[in-house]
C-alpha atoms as a PDB file:
ATOM      1  CA  UNK A   1      38.557 112.264  25.695  1.00  0.00           C
ATOM      2  CA  UNK A   2      37.861 110.385  28.921  1.00  0.00           C
ATOM      3  CA  UNK A   3      34.124 111.101  28.511  1.00  0.00           C
ATOM      4  CA  UNK A   4      34.108 109.205  25.221  1.00  0.00           C
ATOM      5  CA  UNK A   5      35.976 106.263  26.727  1.00  0.00           C
ATOM      6  CA  UNK A   6      33.620 106.174  29.721  1.00  0.00           C
ATOM      7  CA  UNK A   7      30.603 106.268  27.374  1.00  0.00           C
ATOM      8  CA  UNK A   8      31.981 103.395  25.278  1.00  0.00           C
ATOM      9  CA  UNK A   9      32.691 101.309  28.370  1.00  0.00           C
ATOM     10  CA  UNK A  10      29.215 102.033  29.777  1.00  0.00           C
ATOM     11  CA  UNK A  11      27.509 101.072  26.511  1.00  0.00           C
ATOM     12  CA  UNK A  12      29.596  97.889  26.293  1.00  0.00           C
ATOM     13  CA  UNK A  13      28.549  96.905  29.826  1.00  0.00           C
ATOM     14  CA  UNK A  14      24.897  97.695  29.114  1.00  0.00           C
ATOM     15  CA  UNK A  15      24.995  95.743  25.855  1.00  0.00           C
ATOM     16  CA  UNK A  16      26.590  92.715  27.483  1.00  0.00           C
ATOM     17  CA  UNK A  17      24.121  92.714  30.384  1.00  0.00           C
ATOM     18  CA  UNK A  18      21.143  93.096  28.056  1.00  0.00           C
ATOM     19  CA  UNK A  19      22.433  90.224  25.909  1.00  0.00           C
ATOM     20  CA  UNK A  20      22.939  88.019  28.955  1.00  0.00           C
ATOM     21  CA  UNK A  21      19.427  88.821  30.175  1.00  0.00           C
ATOM     22  CA  UNK A  22      17.909  88.006  26.772  1.00  0.00           C
ATOM     23  CA  UNK A  23      19.794  84.706  26.610  1.00  0.00           C
ATOM     24  CA  UNK A  24      18.495  83.793  30.066  1.00  0.00           C
ATOM     25  CA  UNK A  25      14.930  84.804  29.166  1.00  0.00           C
ATOM     26  CA  UNK A  26      15.060  82.761  25.969  1.00  0.00           C
ATOM     27  CA  UNK A  27      15.907  79.596  27.890  1.00  0.00           C
ATOM     28  CA  UNK A  28      13.515  80.339  30.756  1.00  0.00           C
ATOM     29  CA  UNK A  29      10.448  81.012  28.584  1.00  0.00           C
ATOM     30  CA  UNK A  30      11.157  78.543  25.788  1.00  0.00           C
ATOM     31  CA  UNK A  31       8.015  77.070  24.221  1.00  0.00           C
ATOM     32  CA  UNK A  32       8.331  73.374  23.602  1.00  0.00           C
ATOM     33  CA  UNK A  33       6.464  72.241  20.501  1.00  0.00           C
ATOM     34  CA  UNK A  34       5.297  68.690  19.919  1.00  0.00           C
ATOM     35  CA  UNK A  35       7.226  67.139  17.035  1.00  0.00           C
ATOM     36  CA  UNK A  36       4.211  65.024  16.087  1.00  0.00           C
ATOM     37  CA  UNK A  37       2.175  68.178  15.368  1.00  0.00           C
ATOM     38  CA  UNK A  38       4.896  69.525  13.075  1.00  0.00           C
ATOM     39  CA  UNK A  39       5.107  66.181  11.261  1.00  0.00           C
ATOM     40  CA  UNK A  40       1.310  65.954  10.850  1.00  0.00           C
ATOM     41  CA  UNK A  41       1.155  69.548   9.598  1.00  0.00           C
ATOM     42  CA  UNK A  42       3.814  68.820   6.974  1.00  0.00           C
ATOM     43  CA  UNK A  43       1.688  65.945   5.638  1.00  0.00           C
ATOM     44  CA  UNK A  44      -1.309  68.225   5.085  1.00  0.00           C
ATOM     45  CA  UNK A  45      -1.740  70.211   1.850  1.00  0.00           C
ATOM     46  CA  UNK A  46      -1.137  73.570   3.579  1.00  0.00           C
ATOM     47  CA  UNK A  47      -4.150  75.352   2.100  1.00  0.00           C
ATOM     48  CA  UNK A  48      -5.390  76.640   5.509  1.00  0.00           C
ATOM     49  CA  UNK A  49      -8.956  76.693   4.205  1.00  0.00           C
ATOM     50  CA  UNK A  50     -10.757  75.811   7.446  1.00  0.00           C
ATOM     51  CA  UNK A  51     -13.063  73.286   5.725  1.00  0.00           C
ATOM     52  CA  UNK A  52     -12.258  70.761   8.454  1.00  0.00           C
ATOM     53  CA  UNK A  53     -13.644  73.056  11.144  1.00  0.00           C
ATOM     54  CA  UNK A  54     -10.247  74.001  12.548  1.00  0.00           C
ATOM     55  CA  UNK A  55      -8.440  77.318  12.053  1.00  0.00           C
ATOM     56  CA  UNK A  56      -5.960  76.216   9.422  1.00  0.00           C
ATOM     57  CA  UNK A  57      -3.777  73.188   8.949  1.00  0.00           C
ATOM     58  CA  UNK A  58      -1.898  73.712  12.218  1.00  0.00           C
ATOM     59  CA  UNK A  59      -5.140  73.564  14.207  1.00  0.00           C
ATOM     60  CA  UNK A  60      -6.197  70.405  12.393  1.00  0.00           C
ATOM     61  CA  UNK A  61      -2.783  68.830  13.043  1.00  0.00           C
ATOM     62  CA  UNK A  62      -3.064  69.615  16.773  1.00  0.00           C
ATOM     63  CA  UNK A  63      -6.558  68.137  16.843  1.00  0.00           C
ATOM     64  CA  UNK A  64      -5.372  65.027  15.031  1.00  0.00           C
ATOM     65  CA  UNK A  65      -2.458  64.486  17.425  1.00  0.00           C
ATOM     66  CA  UNK A  66      -4.776  64.989  20.421  1.00  0.00           C
ATOM     67  CA  UNK A  67      -7.230  62.446  18.968  1.00  0.00           C
ATOM     68  CA  UNK A  68     -10.069  64.950  18.532  1.00  0.00           C
ATOM     69  CA  UNK A  69     -10.418  64.434  14.772  1.00  0.00           C
ATOM     70  CA  UNK A  70      -9.963  61.544  12.344  1.00  0.00           C
ATOM     71  CA  UNK A  71      -7.391  61.569   9.562  1.00  0.00           C
ATOM     72  CA  UNK A  72     -10.039  61.896   6.834  1.00  0.00           C
ATOM     73  CA  UNK A  73     -11.284  65.258   8.155  1.00  0.00           C
ATOM     74  CA  UNK A  74      -9.135  67.278   5.753  1.00  0.00           C
ATOM     75  CA  UNK A  75     -11.317  67.749   2.673  1.00  0.00           C
ATOM     76  CA  UNK A  76      -8.663  69.174   0.294  1.00  0.00           C
ATOM     77  CA  UNK A  77      -6.290  66.463   1.459  1.00  0.00           C
ATOM     78  CA  UNK A  78      -8.819  63.780   0.586  1.00  0.00           C
ATOM     79  CA  UNK A  79      -9.206  65.214  -2.918  1.00  0.00           C
ATOM     80  CA  UNK A  80      -5.444  65.281  -3.447  1.00  0.00           C
ATOM     81  CA  UNK A  81      -4.977  61.745  -2.128  1.00  0.00           C
ATOM     82  CA  UNK A  82      -3.107  62.618   1.055  1.00  0.00           C
ATOM     83  CA  UNK A  83      -5.337  60.577   3.333  1.00  0.00           C
ATOM     84  CA  UNK A  84      -5.286  57.282   1.441  1.00  0.00           C
ATOM     85  CA  UNK A  85      -3.878  54.291   3.327  1.00  0.00           C
END
């Protein structure tokens, strides 16, 4: 009976330490994403066609936020009226 109790205690300690380590690693290696890129990507049609020369709408949104591409570079977006001022 004491073997079972020792095993349960050992697994509880290992589970708690693994959880604490994962919580620490999550905060240490957190990837911060630019909110402007997320906002710009939500304005795009989401087709991910690559007609703009970027790998999908997320790549185009990053290029737009960095100033590498103009807003009228999204061809499906122009057809759907997304880029009109």
